Amino acid sequence: MVTASTHATRVARLSPVDPFIPEESPLSLLAACPLFAALPERVLGQLAGIARRQNYEAEQALFRVGDASDTAFVLCSGHVEARIRSNDGRELVMHVAVPPEAPGYLDLIDAAPRSADAVAQDDVEVLTLPARAVRRALSEHPSALMELSTGLAGIIRKLDELMRDQVFLDLPGRLAKLLLARSVPGPRVELGITQGELAVHLGVARQSLNRALGDLQQRGLIRVEDSGATVCLLDRMALRRLAVGGRRSLSPM
């Protein structure tokens, strides 16, 4: 989910951090991380032997844009936001990493400088490893590289879908699709973000989003509750039709 604000966006926690959970070993944490899961146990053991634990407080940065990609991180507990900043000071939260993800792992592939800030959302513990050792382990095991490539393909597909929606779906269609995607069993959708942040995700002004929400509510498809923090889905079938219809006609070149 992409969100934005003038200052750092606060994103709702995806899961609580339980301080009473027994500390996992570096080996088990690496084995659970998608970046390392396909590596042989022997290699995981070698990497676990050089891993170090490190703690960060809320709003403390693991790394900043432009920093060297010389360290790999595996999230043990807490939540880490991937943020980018515009020239006028606005910030976008591109992703919230949860255990056992590896924040910033894309930068390890080409060893380019960091392309986003990684900032602790709450108290965070990570494993750190030398990036050189991680790149060497991945390059020596094609199956691990294939797993990594599969993950990258998934990211590209999601970006393609976002681009298609921006071009081919009107705002009510994009809004309906987002609400359906975030829904759980039951009619209520807890957005977890402000309407301003939701507007940024949909690529529209706040006023346009308000009009779209009002239109869907007036048509009896949704009900906005809790000052916009919650949306109750009243007619899923009609929302699904909007999410696949509402096409824009493109002007000829």
Protein backbone atom coordinates (compact mmCIF):
# COMPACT_ATOMS: atom_id res chain seq x y z
CA MET A 1 0.00 0.00 0.00
CA VAL A 2 1.38 3.43 -0.93
CA THR A 3 0.70 6.32 1.42
CA ALA A 4 1.93 9.89 1.69
CA SER A 5 2.07 12.90 3.96
CA THR A 6 4.12 16.04 4.52
CA HIS A 7 5.87 14.26 7.36
CA ALA A 8 6.49 10.58 7.84
CA THR A 9 3.30 8.61 7.36
CA ARG A 10 2.24 6.46 10.29
CA VAL A 11 0.91 3.16 8.99
CA ALA A 12 -1.18 0.86 11.15
CA ARG A 13 0.73 -2.12 12.51
CA LEU A 14 0.14 -5.28 10.59
CA SER A 15 0.64 -7.53 13.60
CA PRO A 16 1.55 -7.01 17.27
CA VAL A 17 5.06 -7.64 18.51
CA ASP A 18 4.95 -10.10 21.39
CA PRO A 19 7.93 -9.58 23.76
CA PHE A 20 7.31 -12.98 25.34
CA ILE A 21 7.94 -14.99 22.17
CA PRO A 22 11.21 -16.94 22.67
CA GLU A 23 14.13 -15.54 20.72
CA GLU A 24 14.57 -17.42 17.48
CA SER A 25 17.99 -18.57 16.36
CA PRO A 26 19.66 -16.78 13.43
CA LEU A 27 19.49 -20.02 11.45
CA SER A 28 15.70 -20.36 11.82
CA LEU A 29 15.18 -16.69 11.00
CA LEU A 30 17.24 -16.94 7.82
CA ALA A 31 15.44 -20.13 6.81
CA ALA A 32 12.08 -18.35 7.17
CA CYS A 33 13.17 -15.29 5.16
CA PRO A 34 12.08 -15.47 1.47
CA LEU A 35 15.45 -14.11 0.39
CA PHE A 36 17.33 -17.06 1.92
CA ALA A 37 14.73 -19.85 2.06
CA ALA A 38 16.00 -21.70 -1.03
CA LEU A 39 19.63 -21.86 0.15
CA PRO A 40 21.00 -25.19 1.42
CA GLU A 41 21.06 -25.64 5.18
CA ARG A 42 24.85 -25.73 5.14
CA VAL A 43 25.00 -22.27 3.54
CA LEU A 44 22.33 -20.95 5.88
CA GLY A 45 24.44 -22.14 8.79
CA GLN A 46 27.47 -20.29 7.45
CA LEU A 47 25.47 -17.09 7.04
CA ALA A 48 23.93 -17.50 10.50
CA GLY A 49 27.44 -17.73 11.91
CA ILE A 50 28.31 -14.22 10.69
CA ALA A 51 24.90 -12.64 11.39
CA ARG A 52 24.64 -10.03 14.12
CA ARG A 53 21.58 -8.77 15.99
CA GLN A 54 20.85 -5.06 16.06
CA ASN A 55 18.03 -3.01 17.58
CA TYR A 56 16.40 0.21 16.39
CA GLU A 57 13.90 2.52 18.06
CA ALA A 58 10.84 3.99 16.35
CA GLU A 59 11.77 6.55 13.65
CA GLN A 60 15.40 5.41 13.64
CA ALA A 61 16.72 4.68 10.13
CA LEU A 62 18.29 1.37 9.19
CA PHE A 63 19.61 3.15 6.10
CA ARG A 64 18.92 6.24 4.00
CA VAL A 65 18.69 6.98 0.28
CA GLY A 66 22.20 7.05 -1.20
CA ASP A 67 23.81 4.88 1.49
CA ALA A 68 25.99 2.01 0.32
CA SER A 69 24.22 -1.35 -0.06
CA ASP A 70 26.84 -3.13 2.02
CA THR A 71 24.57 -4.72 4.64
CA ALA A 72 21.68 -7.15 4.39
CA PHE A 73 18.89 -6.94 6.96
CA VAL A 74 16.45 -9.63 8.11
CA LEU A 75 13.58 -8.41 10.26
CA CYS A 76 13.18 -10.36 13.52
CA SER A 77 10.50 -8.21 15.18
CA GLY A 78 8.73 -4.92 14.60
CA HIS A 79 7.87 -3.12 11.35
CA VAL A 80 10.09 -1.20 8.91
CA GLU A 81 8.76 1.39 6.44
CA ALA A 82 10.31 1.90 3.00
CA ARG A 83 10.02 5.65 2.38
CA ILE A 84 10.90 7.97 -0.50
CA ARG A 85 10.86 11.77 -0.34
CA SER A 86 9.93 14.39 -2.94
CA ASN A 87 11.87 17.62 -3.44
CA ASP A 88 9.20 19.59 -1.54
CA GLY A 89 9.44 17.37 1.56
CA ARG A 90 6.51 15.01 1.04
CA GLU A 91 7.12 11.36 1.92
CA LEU A 92 5.64 8.20 0.46
CA VAL A 93 5.56 4.93 2.38
CA MET A 94 6.01 2.36 -0.36
CA HIS A 95 5.91 -0.75 1.82
CA VAL A 96 5.82 -1.87 5.45
CA ALA A 97 8.10 -4.86 6.04
CA VAL A 98 7.15 -7.44 8.68
CA PRO A 99 9.13 -10.45 9.99
CA PRO A 100 10.81 -12.32 8.38
CA GLU A 101 11.20 -9.96 5.40
CA ALA A 102 14.53 -8.47 4.31
CA PRO A 103 14.13 -4.68 4.02
CA GLY A 104 16.04 -3.25 1.05
CA TYR A 105 16.93 -6.62 -0.47
CA LEU A 106 16.48 -5.31 -4.03
CA ASP A 107 19.53 -3.06 -3.57
CA LEU A 108 21.65 -6.15 -2.87
CA ILE A 109 21.21 -7.43 -6.40
CA ASP A 110 23.10 -4.73 -8.31
CA ALA A 111 25.01 -3.24 -5.33
CA ALA A 112 23.61 0.19 -6.24
CA PRO A 113 23.21 2.87 -3.54
CA ARG A 114 20.05 2.63 -1.47
CA SER A 115 17.00 3.84 -3.40
CA ALA A 116 14.72 4.43 -0.38
CA ASP A 117 14.88 5.11 3.34
CA ALA A 118 14.22 2.19 5.69
CA VAL A 119 12.82 3.55 8.95
CA ALA A 120 11.68 1.66 12.04
CA GLN A 121 7.95 2.10 12.62
CA ASP A 122 8.22 0.79 16.18
CA ASP A 123 10.87 -1.03 18.22
CA VAL A 124 12.68 -3.23 15.72
CA GLU A 125 15.23 -6.05 15.92
CA VAL A 126 17.10 -7.22 12.83
CA LEU A 127 19.81 -9.60 11.81
CA THR A 128 22.57 -7.92 9.81
CA LEU A 129 24.91 -9.70 7.39
CA PRO A 130 27.65 -8.48 5.05
CA ALA A 131 26.07 -7.94 1.64
CA ARG A 132 29.10 -9.49 -0.10
CA ALA A 133 28.51 -12.80 1.66
CA VAL A 134 24.81 -12.77 0.73
CA ARG A 135 25.51 -12.00 -2.94
CA ARG A 136 28.10 -14.77 -3.08
CA ALA A 137 25.74 -17.32 -1.53
CA LEU A 138 22.94 -16.43 -3.93
CA SER A 139 25.17 -16.43 -7.02
CA GLU A 140 26.50 -19.89 -6.17
CA HIS A 141 23.02 -21.44 -5.91
CA PRO A 142 20.79 -21.02 -8.99
CA SER A 143 17.70 -22.32 -7.19
CA ALA A 144 17.96 -19.44 -4.72
CA LEU A 145 18.34 -16.97 -7.59
CA MET A 146 15.26 -18.47 -9.25
CA GLU A 147 13.26 -17.92 -6.05
CA LEU A 148 14.49 -14.34 -5.97
CA SER A 149 13.55 -13.87 -9.63
CA THR A 150 10.07 -15.20 -8.92
CA GLY A 151 9.63 -12.61 -6.20
CA LEU A 152 10.81 -9.84 -8.52
CA ALA A 153 8.40 -11.01 -11.20
CA GLY A 154 5.57 -10.71 -8.69
CA ILE A 155 6.57 -7.12 -7.91
CA ILE A 156 6.63 -6.25 -11.63
CA ARG A 157 3.20 -7.81 -12.13
CA LYS A 158 1.77 -5.71 -9.31
CA LEU A 159 3.28 -2.56 -10.83
CA ASP A 160 1.80 -3.51 -14.20
CA GLU A 161 -1.60 -3.95 -12.59
CA LEU A 162 -1.36 -0.54 -10.93
CA MET A 163 -0.49 1.04 -14.27
CA ARG A 164 -3.37 -0.69 -16.03
CA ASP A 165 -5.80 0.45 -13.36
CA GLN A 166 -4.61 4.05 -13.63
CA VAL A 167 -5.17 4.02 -17.39
CA PHE A 168 -8.25 1.83 -17.86
CA LEU A 169 -10.29 2.20 -14.67
CA ASP A 170 -12.05 5.36 -13.61
CA LEU A 171 -11.83 6.50 -9.98
CA PRO A 172 -14.98 4.68 -8.75
CA GLY A 173 -13.63 1.47 -10.32
CA ARG A 174 -10.19 1.86 -8.72
CA LEU A 175 -11.79 2.68 -5.38
CA ALA A 176 -14.12 -0.33 -5.57
CA LYS A 177 -11.21 -2.61 -6.46
CA LEU A 178 -9.13 -1.33 -3.54
CA LEU A 179 -11.97 -1.76 -1.05
CA LEU A 180 -12.66 -5.30 -2.23
CA ALA A 181 -8.96 -6.20 -2.08
CA ARG A 182 -8.71 -4.97 1.52
CA SER A 183 -11.93 -6.60 2.69
CA VAL A 184 -12.06 -9.61 5.00
CA PRO A 185 -15.00 -11.90 5.80
CA GLY A 186 -17.73 -9.52 6.87
CA PRO A 187 -18.78 -6.17 5.44
CA ARG A 188 -16.40 -3.81 7.26
CA VAL A 189 -13.11 -2.63 5.76
CA GLU A 190 -10.67 -1.00 8.21
CA LEU A 191 -8.55 1.22 5.98
CA GLY A 192 -5.73 1.81 8.48
CA ILE A 193 -4.80 5.05 6.68
CA THR A 194 -6.27 8.52 6.32
CA GLN A 195 -8.41 9.53 3.37
CA GLY A 196 -5.61 11.84 2.27
CA GLU A 197 -3.23 8.90 2.12
CA LEU A 198 -5.85 6.83 0.31
CA ALA A 199 -6.20 9.62 -2.27
CA VAL A 200 -2.45 9.53 -2.93
CA HIS A 201 -2.57 5.77 -3.44
CA LEU A 202 -5.34 6.19 -6.01
CA GLY A 203 -3.53 9.05 -7.72
CA VAL A 204 -6.23 11.69 -7.17
CA ALA A 205 -6.89 14.81 -5.10
CA ARG A 206 -8.53 14.45 -1.69
CA GLN A 207 -11.62 16.28 -3.00
CA SER A 208 -12.00 13.80 -5.87
CA LEU A 209 -11.80 10.88 -3.44
CA ASN A 210 -14.44 12.46 -1.21
CA ARG A 211 -16.76 12.85 -4.19
CA ALA A 212 -16.20 9.21 -5.23
CA LEU A 213 -16.89 7.94 -1.70
CA GLY A 214 -19.99 10.10 -1.51
CA ASP A 215 -21.21 8.83 -4.87
CA LEU A 216 -20.76 5.16 -3.89
CA GLN A 217 -22.50 5.83 -0.60
CA GLN A 218 -25.38 7.66 -2.28
CA ARG A 219 -25.83 4.71 -4.64
CA GLY A 220 -26.12 2.37 -1.66
CA LEU A 221 -22.92 0.43 -2.40
CA ILE A 222 -20.96 1.45 0.71
CA ARG A 223 -21.36 3.27 4.01
CA VAL A 224 -18.51 5.40 5.35
CA GLU A 225 -18.09 5.15 9.12
CA ASP A 226 -15.74 6.34 11.87
CA SER A 227 -14.96 9.63 10.09
CA GLY A 228 -13.71 7.74 7.04
CA ALA A 229 -11.52 5.20 8.85
CA THR A 230 -13.96 2.38 8.12
CA VAL A 231 -16.02 1.55 5.03
CA CYS A 232 -18.91 -0.90 5.20
CA LEU A 233 -19.45 -2.78 1.92
CA LEU A 234 -23.18 -3.01 1.28
CA ASP A 235 -23.29 -4.36 -2.29
CA ARG A 236 -20.22 -6.44 -3.19
CA MET A 237 -21.67 -7.55 -6.52
CA ALA A 238 -22.10 -3.98 -7.73
CA LEU A 239 -18.62 -3.09 -6.46
CA ARG A 240 -17.15 -6.04 -8.39
CA ARG A 241 -18.85 -4.79 -11.57
CA LEU A 242 -17.27 -1.39 -11.02
CA ALA A 243 -13.87 -2.97 -10.35
CA VAL A 244 -13.85 -4.70 -13.74
CA GLY A 245 -15.89 -2.13 -15.65
CA GLY A 246 -15.94 1.63 -15.60
CA ARG A 247 -13.46 1.63 -18.43
CA ARG A 248 -12.01 4.81 -19.82
CA SER A 249 -11.95 5.34 -23.52
CA LEU A 250 -8.48 6.31 -24.73
CA SER A 251 -8.05 9.09 -27.25
CA PRO A 252 -6.45 7.93 -30.52
CA MET A 253 -2.80 8.80 -30.99
